[in-house]
N, C-alpha and C. Protein backbone atom coordinates (compact mmCIF):
# COMPACT_ATOMS: atom_id res chain seq x y z
N MET A 1 78.91 66.72 140.57
CA MET A 1 80.20 66.43 139.98
C MET A 1 80.79 67.76 139.52
N VAL A 2 81.98 68.03 139.96
CA VAL A 2 82.69 69.23 139.53
C VAL A 2 83.96 68.78 138.84
N GLN A 3 84.27 69.40 137.73
CA GLN A 3 85.50 69.03 137.03
C GLN A 3 86.25 70.28 136.64
N THR A 4 87.54 70.13 136.51
CA THR A 4 88.37 71.25 136.10
C THR A 4 88.29 71.40 134.60
N LEU A 5 87.99 72.60 134.13
CA LEU A 5 87.90 72.86 132.70
C LEU A 5 88.98 73.83 132.30
N GLN A 6 89.46 73.68 131.09
CA GLN A 6 90.46 74.59 130.56
C GLN A 6 89.90 75.99 130.49
N ASP A 7 90.72 76.97 130.79
CA ASP A 7 90.35 78.36 130.54
C ASP A 7 91.02 78.73 129.24
N SER A 8 90.22 78.94 128.23
CA SER A 8 90.77 79.22 126.91
C SER A 8 90.08 80.42 126.30
N ASN A 9 90.85 81.31 125.78
CA ASN A 9 90.29 82.43 125.05
C ASN A 9 90.43 82.21 123.55
N SER A 10 90.67 80.97 123.15
CA SER A 10 90.83 80.64 121.74
C SER A 10 89.52 80.84 121.01
N PRO A 11 89.55 81.55 119.89
CA PRO A 11 88.31 81.71 119.13
C PRO A 11 87.92 80.41 118.46
N LEU A 12 86.64 80.15 118.40
CA LEU A 12 86.12 78.99 117.70
C LEU A 12 85.61 79.46 116.35
N ILE A 13 85.98 78.75 115.31
CA ILE A 13 85.51 79.06 113.97
C ILE A 13 84.68 77.87 113.51
N HIS A 14 83.40 78.09 113.25
CA HIS A 14 82.49 77.01 112.91
C HIS A 14 82.71 76.51 111.49
N SER A 15 82.67 75.19 111.35
CA SER A 15 82.72 74.56 110.03
C SER A 15 81.29 74.30 109.60
N SER A 16 80.96 74.62 108.38
CA SER A 16 79.59 74.43 107.92
C SER A 16 79.30 72.98 107.54
N SER A 17 80.29 72.12 107.63
CA SER A 17 80.07 70.71 107.28
C SER A 17 79.22 70.05 108.36
N GLU A 18 78.67 68.90 108.01
CA GLU A 18 77.84 68.19 108.96
C GLU A 18 78.67 67.45 110.01
N SER A 19 79.98 67.54 109.96
CA SER A 19 80.83 66.77 110.85
C SER A 19 80.95 67.37 112.23
N ARG A 20 80.30 68.51 112.47
CA ARG A 20 80.35 69.17 113.77
C ARG A 20 81.79 69.34 114.25
N ARG A 21 82.53 70.08 113.50
CA ARG A 21 83.91 70.36 113.87
C ARG A 21 84.09 71.86 113.95
N TRP A 22 84.93 72.26 114.85
CA TRP A 22 85.27 73.67 115.02
C TRP A 22 86.77 73.80 114.91
N GLN A 23 87.21 74.93 114.44
CA GLN A 23 88.64 75.18 114.38
C GLN A 23 89.04 75.90 115.66
N VAL A 24 89.97 75.30 116.38
CA VAL A 24 90.50 75.87 117.62
C VAL A 24 92.00 75.91 117.48
N ASP A 25 92.57 77.07 117.61
CA ASP A 25 94.03 77.22 117.49
C ASP A 25 94.56 76.57 116.22
N GLY A 26 93.84 76.71 115.13
CA GLY A 26 94.31 76.20 113.85
C GLY A 26 94.07 74.73 113.61
N ARG A 27 93.44 74.02 114.53
CA ARG A 27 93.17 72.59 114.33
C ARG A 27 91.66 72.36 114.38
N MET A 28 91.21 71.41 113.59
CA MET A 28 89.79 71.08 113.56
C MET A 28 89.51 70.06 114.65
N VAL A 29 88.50 70.32 115.48
CA VAL A 29 88.18 69.41 116.58
C VAL A 29 86.69 69.08 116.55
N PRO A 30 86.36 67.79 116.78
CA PRO A 30 84.95 67.44 116.91
C PRO A 30 84.44 68.01 118.22
N HIS A 31 83.18 68.32 118.28
CA HIS A 31 82.63 68.91 119.49
C HIS A 31 81.20 68.43 119.71
N GLY A 32 80.76 68.59 120.94
CA GLY A 32 79.36 68.35 121.25
C GLY A 32 78.68 69.69 121.40
N GLU A 33 77.37 69.71 121.26
CA GLU A 33 76.69 70.98 121.43
C GLU A 33 75.29 70.79 121.98
N ASN A 34 74.86 71.76 122.75
CA ASN A 34 73.48 71.87 123.20
C ASN A 34 72.96 73.19 122.66
N LEU A 35 71.79 73.13 122.05
CA LEU A 35 71.20 74.31 121.43
C LEU A 35 69.81 74.56 122.02
N MET A 36 69.45 75.83 122.13
CA MET A 36 68.12 76.19 122.63
C MET A 36 67.60 77.37 121.82
N TYR A 37 66.35 77.27 121.41
CA TYR A 37 65.65 78.39 120.78
C TYR A 37 64.50 78.73 121.71
N TYR A 38 64.33 79.99 122.01
CA TYR A 38 63.28 80.39 122.94
C TYR A 38 62.68 81.69 122.45
N PHE A 39 61.36 81.78 122.49
CA PHE A 39 60.68 83.00 122.04
C PHE A 39 59.90 83.57 123.22
N PRO A 40 59.94 84.83 123.49
CA PRO A 40 60.48 85.90 122.66
C PRO A 40 61.98 86.12 122.86
N GLU A 41 62.53 85.67 123.98
CA GLU A 41 63.96 85.86 124.22
C GLU A 41 64.48 84.68 125.03
N VAL A 42 65.67 84.19 124.67
CA VAL A 42 66.25 83.06 125.38
C VAL A 42 66.71 83.50 126.76
N ASP A 43 66.49 82.64 127.74
CA ASP A 43 66.95 82.85 129.11
C ASP A 43 67.97 81.75 129.40
N CYS A 44 69.22 82.13 129.63
CA CYS A 44 70.29 81.13 129.79
C CYS A 44 70.03 80.22 130.98
N ARG A 45 69.60 80.78 132.10
CA ARG A 45 69.38 79.96 133.30
C ARG A 45 68.29 78.92 133.03
N ILE A 46 67.18 79.34 132.47
CA ILE A 46 66.09 78.41 132.19
C ILE A 46 66.53 77.35 131.19
N SER A 47 67.30 77.73 130.19
CA SER A 47 67.78 76.78 129.19
C SER A 47 68.66 75.71 129.81
N VAL A 48 69.65 76.14 130.59
CA VAL A 48 70.57 75.18 131.22
C VAL A 48 69.82 74.30 132.21
N GLU A 49 68.90 74.88 132.97
CA GLU A 49 68.11 74.07 133.90
C GLU A 49 67.26 73.04 133.16
N SER A 50 66.72 73.40 132.00
CA SER A 50 65.90 72.43 131.25
C SER A 50 66.77 71.29 130.73
N TRP A 51 67.99 71.59 130.29
CA TRP A 51 68.90 70.52 129.88
C TRP A 51 69.21 69.61 131.06
N TYR A 52 69.47 70.20 132.22
CA TYR A 52 69.85 69.40 133.39
C TYR A 52 68.68 68.55 133.88
N LYS A 53 67.46 69.03 133.73
CA LYS A 53 66.28 68.26 134.17
C LYS A 53 66.13 66.95 133.42
N GLU A 54 66.81 66.82 132.29
CA GLU A 54 66.79 65.55 131.56
C GLU A 54 67.43 64.43 132.39
N LYS A 55 68.09 64.79 133.46
CA LYS A 55 68.68 63.81 134.38
C LYS A 55 67.62 62.78 134.79
N ASP A 56 66.40 63.24 134.99
CA ASP A 56 65.32 62.34 135.41
C ASP A 56 64.94 61.34 134.31
N LEU A 57 65.30 61.62 133.08
CA LEU A 57 64.99 60.74 131.95
C LEU A 57 66.11 59.75 131.66
N TYR A 58 67.29 59.98 132.25
CA TYR A 58 68.45 59.12 131.98
C TYR A 58 68.31 57.80 132.73
N LYS A 59 68.42 56.71 132.02
CA LYS A 59 68.33 55.37 132.59
C LYS A 59 69.58 54.60 132.20
N PRO A 60 70.50 54.37 133.14
CA PRO A 60 71.78 53.73 132.81
C PRO A 60 71.65 52.40 132.08
N ARG A 61 70.62 51.63 132.34
CA ARG A 61 70.51 50.31 131.70
C ARG A 61 69.64 50.34 130.44
N GLN A 62 69.23 51.50 130.04
CA GLN A 62 68.42 51.68 128.82
C GLN A 62 69.36 51.70 127.61
N PRO A 63 68.89 51.27 126.43
CA PRO A 63 69.75 51.35 125.24
C PRO A 63 70.27 52.77 125.02
N LEU A 64 71.53 52.87 124.58
CA LEU A 64 72.18 54.17 124.42
C LEU A 64 71.40 55.12 123.53
N ALA A 65 70.87 54.62 122.43
CA ALA A 65 70.15 55.51 121.51
C ALA A 65 68.98 56.19 122.20
N LEU A 66 68.28 55.48 123.07
CA LEU A 66 67.15 56.08 123.79
C LEU A 66 67.64 57.11 124.80
N ASN A 67 68.75 56.82 125.47
CA ASN A 67 69.30 57.79 126.42
C ASN A 67 69.75 59.06 125.72
N ILE A 68 70.40 58.92 124.58
CA ILE A 68 70.87 60.11 123.86
C ILE A 68 69.67 60.92 123.37
N GLU A 69 68.63 60.22 122.91
CA GLU A 69 67.44 60.93 122.42
C GLU A 69 66.70 61.65 123.55
N SER A 70 66.56 61.00 124.70
CA SER A 70 65.75 61.59 125.77
C SER A 70 66.56 62.43 126.75
N ALA A 71 67.84 62.15 126.90
CA ALA A 71 68.64 62.84 127.92
C ALA A 71 69.98 63.32 127.39
N GLY A 72 70.10 63.49 126.08
CA GLY A 72 71.38 63.84 125.46
C GLY A 72 71.94 65.19 125.89
N HIS A 73 71.08 66.17 126.15
CA HIS A 73 71.58 67.46 126.64
C HIS A 73 72.24 67.28 128.01
N PHE A 74 71.54 66.53 128.89
CA PHE A 74 72.07 66.28 130.23
C PHE A 74 73.39 65.51 130.17
N THR A 75 73.42 64.41 129.40
CA THR A 75 74.64 63.60 129.39
C THR A 75 75.81 64.37 128.80
N GLN A 76 75.56 65.25 127.83
CA GLN A 76 76.65 66.08 127.30
C GLN A 76 77.14 67.05 128.37
N MET A 77 76.22 67.60 129.17
CA MET A 77 76.61 68.55 130.22
C MET A 77 77.51 67.92 131.28
N VAL A 78 77.25 66.66 131.63
CA VAL A 78 78.01 66.03 132.72
C VAL A 78 79.10 65.09 132.22
N TRP A 79 79.31 65.01 130.91
CA TRP A 79 80.30 64.10 130.32
C TRP A 79 81.66 64.35 130.95
N LYS A 80 82.18 63.36 131.64
CA LYS A 80 83.40 63.51 132.45
C LYS A 80 84.63 63.93 131.65
N ASP A 81 84.76 63.46 130.42
CA ASP A 81 85.96 63.76 129.63
C ASP A 81 85.95 65.16 129.00
N THR A 82 84.88 65.94 129.21
CA THR A 82 84.83 67.30 128.66
C THR A 82 85.94 68.13 129.29
N LYS A 83 86.67 68.83 128.45
CA LYS A 83 87.77 69.68 128.91
C LYS A 83 87.44 71.16 128.82
N SER A 84 86.58 71.55 127.88
CA SER A 84 86.24 72.96 127.76
C SER A 84 84.79 73.11 127.29
N VAL A 85 84.18 74.18 127.75
CA VAL A 85 82.80 74.51 127.41
C VAL A 85 82.76 75.99 127.06
N GLY A 86 82.06 76.31 126.01
CA GLY A 86 81.85 77.71 125.66
C GLY A 86 80.40 77.90 125.25
N CYS A 87 79.80 79.00 125.70
CA CYS A 87 78.41 79.29 125.36
C CYS A 87 78.30 80.68 124.76
N ALA A 88 77.36 80.84 123.88
CA ALA A 88 77.08 82.15 123.29
C ALA A 88 75.58 82.24 123.06
N LYS A 89 75.07 83.48 123.10
CA LYS A 89 73.64 83.64 122.88
C LYS A 89 73.36 84.84 122.01
N THR A 90 72.26 84.75 121.32
CA THR A 90 71.68 85.89 120.63
C THR A 90 70.36 86.15 121.34
N GLU A 91 69.53 86.96 120.77
CA GLU A 91 68.26 87.25 121.43
C GLU A 91 67.42 85.99 121.65
N LYS A 92 67.39 85.10 120.66
CA LYS A 92 66.51 83.93 120.72
C LYS A 92 67.23 82.59 120.81
N TYR A 93 68.54 82.56 120.62
CA TYR A 93 69.28 81.30 120.58
C TYR A 93 70.37 81.26 121.65
N LEU A 94 70.57 80.05 122.20
CA LEU A 94 71.70 79.78 123.08
C LEU A 94 72.40 78.56 122.51
N ALA A 95 73.72 78.62 122.39
CA ALA A 95 74.51 77.48 121.93
C ALA A 95 75.65 77.26 122.92
N CYS A 96 75.79 76.04 123.40
CA CYS A 96 76.92 75.67 124.25
C CYS A 96 77.69 74.57 123.53
N ILE A 97 78.99 74.77 123.43
CA ILE A 97 79.89 73.87 122.71
C ILE A 97 80.78 73.17 123.73
N TYR A 98 80.92 71.86 123.60
CA TYR A 98 81.71 71.04 124.53
C TYR A 98 82.83 70.39 123.74
N GLU A 99 84.04 70.44 124.31
CA GLU A 99 85.18 69.85 123.61
C GLU A 99 86.03 69.08 124.61
N PRO A 100 86.37 67.84 124.32
CA PRO A 100 85.97 67.08 123.14
C PRO A 100 84.50 66.66 123.23
N ALA A 101 83.98 66.19 122.13
CA ALA A 101 82.57 65.78 122.06
C ALA A 101 82.28 64.65 123.03
N GLY A 102 81.09 64.66 123.58
CA GLY A 102 80.61 63.57 124.42
C GLY A 102 79.54 62.79 123.69
N ASN A 103 78.80 62.00 124.45
CA ASN A 103 77.69 61.20 123.91
C ASN A 103 78.13 60.22 122.83
N TRP A 104 79.31 59.62 123.01
CA TRP A 104 79.76 58.58 122.08
C TRP A 104 78.91 57.34 122.32
N LYS A 105 78.50 56.69 121.25
CA LYS A 105 77.62 55.52 121.37
C LYS A 105 78.45 54.28 121.73
N SER A 106 78.84 54.25 122.98
CA SER A 106 79.65 53.15 123.51
C SER A 106 79.24 52.94 124.96
N VAL A 107 78.83 51.72 125.30
CA VAL A 107 78.44 51.43 126.68
C VAL A 107 79.59 51.75 127.62
N PHE A 108 80.80 51.36 127.27
CA PHE A 108 81.97 51.63 128.11
C PHE A 108 82.13 53.12 128.36
N LEU A 109 82.06 53.93 127.29
CA LEU A 109 82.26 55.37 127.45
C LEU A 109 81.13 56.01 128.25
N PHE A 110 79.90 55.56 128.07
CA PHE A 110 78.81 56.11 128.88
C PHE A 110 78.99 55.77 130.35
N GLU A 111 79.36 54.53 130.65
CA GLU A 111 79.56 54.15 132.05
C GLU A 111 80.69 54.96 132.68
N ARG A 112 81.72 55.26 131.91
CA ARG A 112 82.86 56.02 132.43
C ARG A 112 82.55 57.50 132.56
N ASN A 113 81.74 58.05 131.68
CA ASN A 113 81.56 59.50 131.61
C ASN A 113 80.27 60.04 132.22
N VAL A 114 79.26 59.22 132.37
CA VAL A 114 78.00 59.67 132.97
C VAL A 114 77.81 58.87 134.25
N GLN A 115 78.21 59.47 135.35
CA GLN A 115 78.17 58.77 136.63
C GLN A 115 77.07 59.37 137.50
N MET A 116 76.16 58.53 137.91
CA MET A 116 75.00 58.98 138.70
C MET A 116 75.14 58.54 140.14
């Protein structure tokens, strides 16, 4: 599945609240995120491949909570309604931010956004 994503150079400013919101162009937006910690140094390719391998754990007829727990990185990566993705890394951490957020706990939204 290939989708067109916005090309944006807008800086993201992280909110320290638990609401997982980022400030983009002066507005607060909910977002999804995939995080990876790797020692001694994070490898972006290996990290993204490990998230994608969760595809094998995704079961469309399984309860949503189990799918999000076992395959949430994968479902966020392929979430159809995602418009923009940004990733950043330090020596040991990789963070990818997806906007708007995916993995909404709704059977309808999962069927529409995670197509196998």
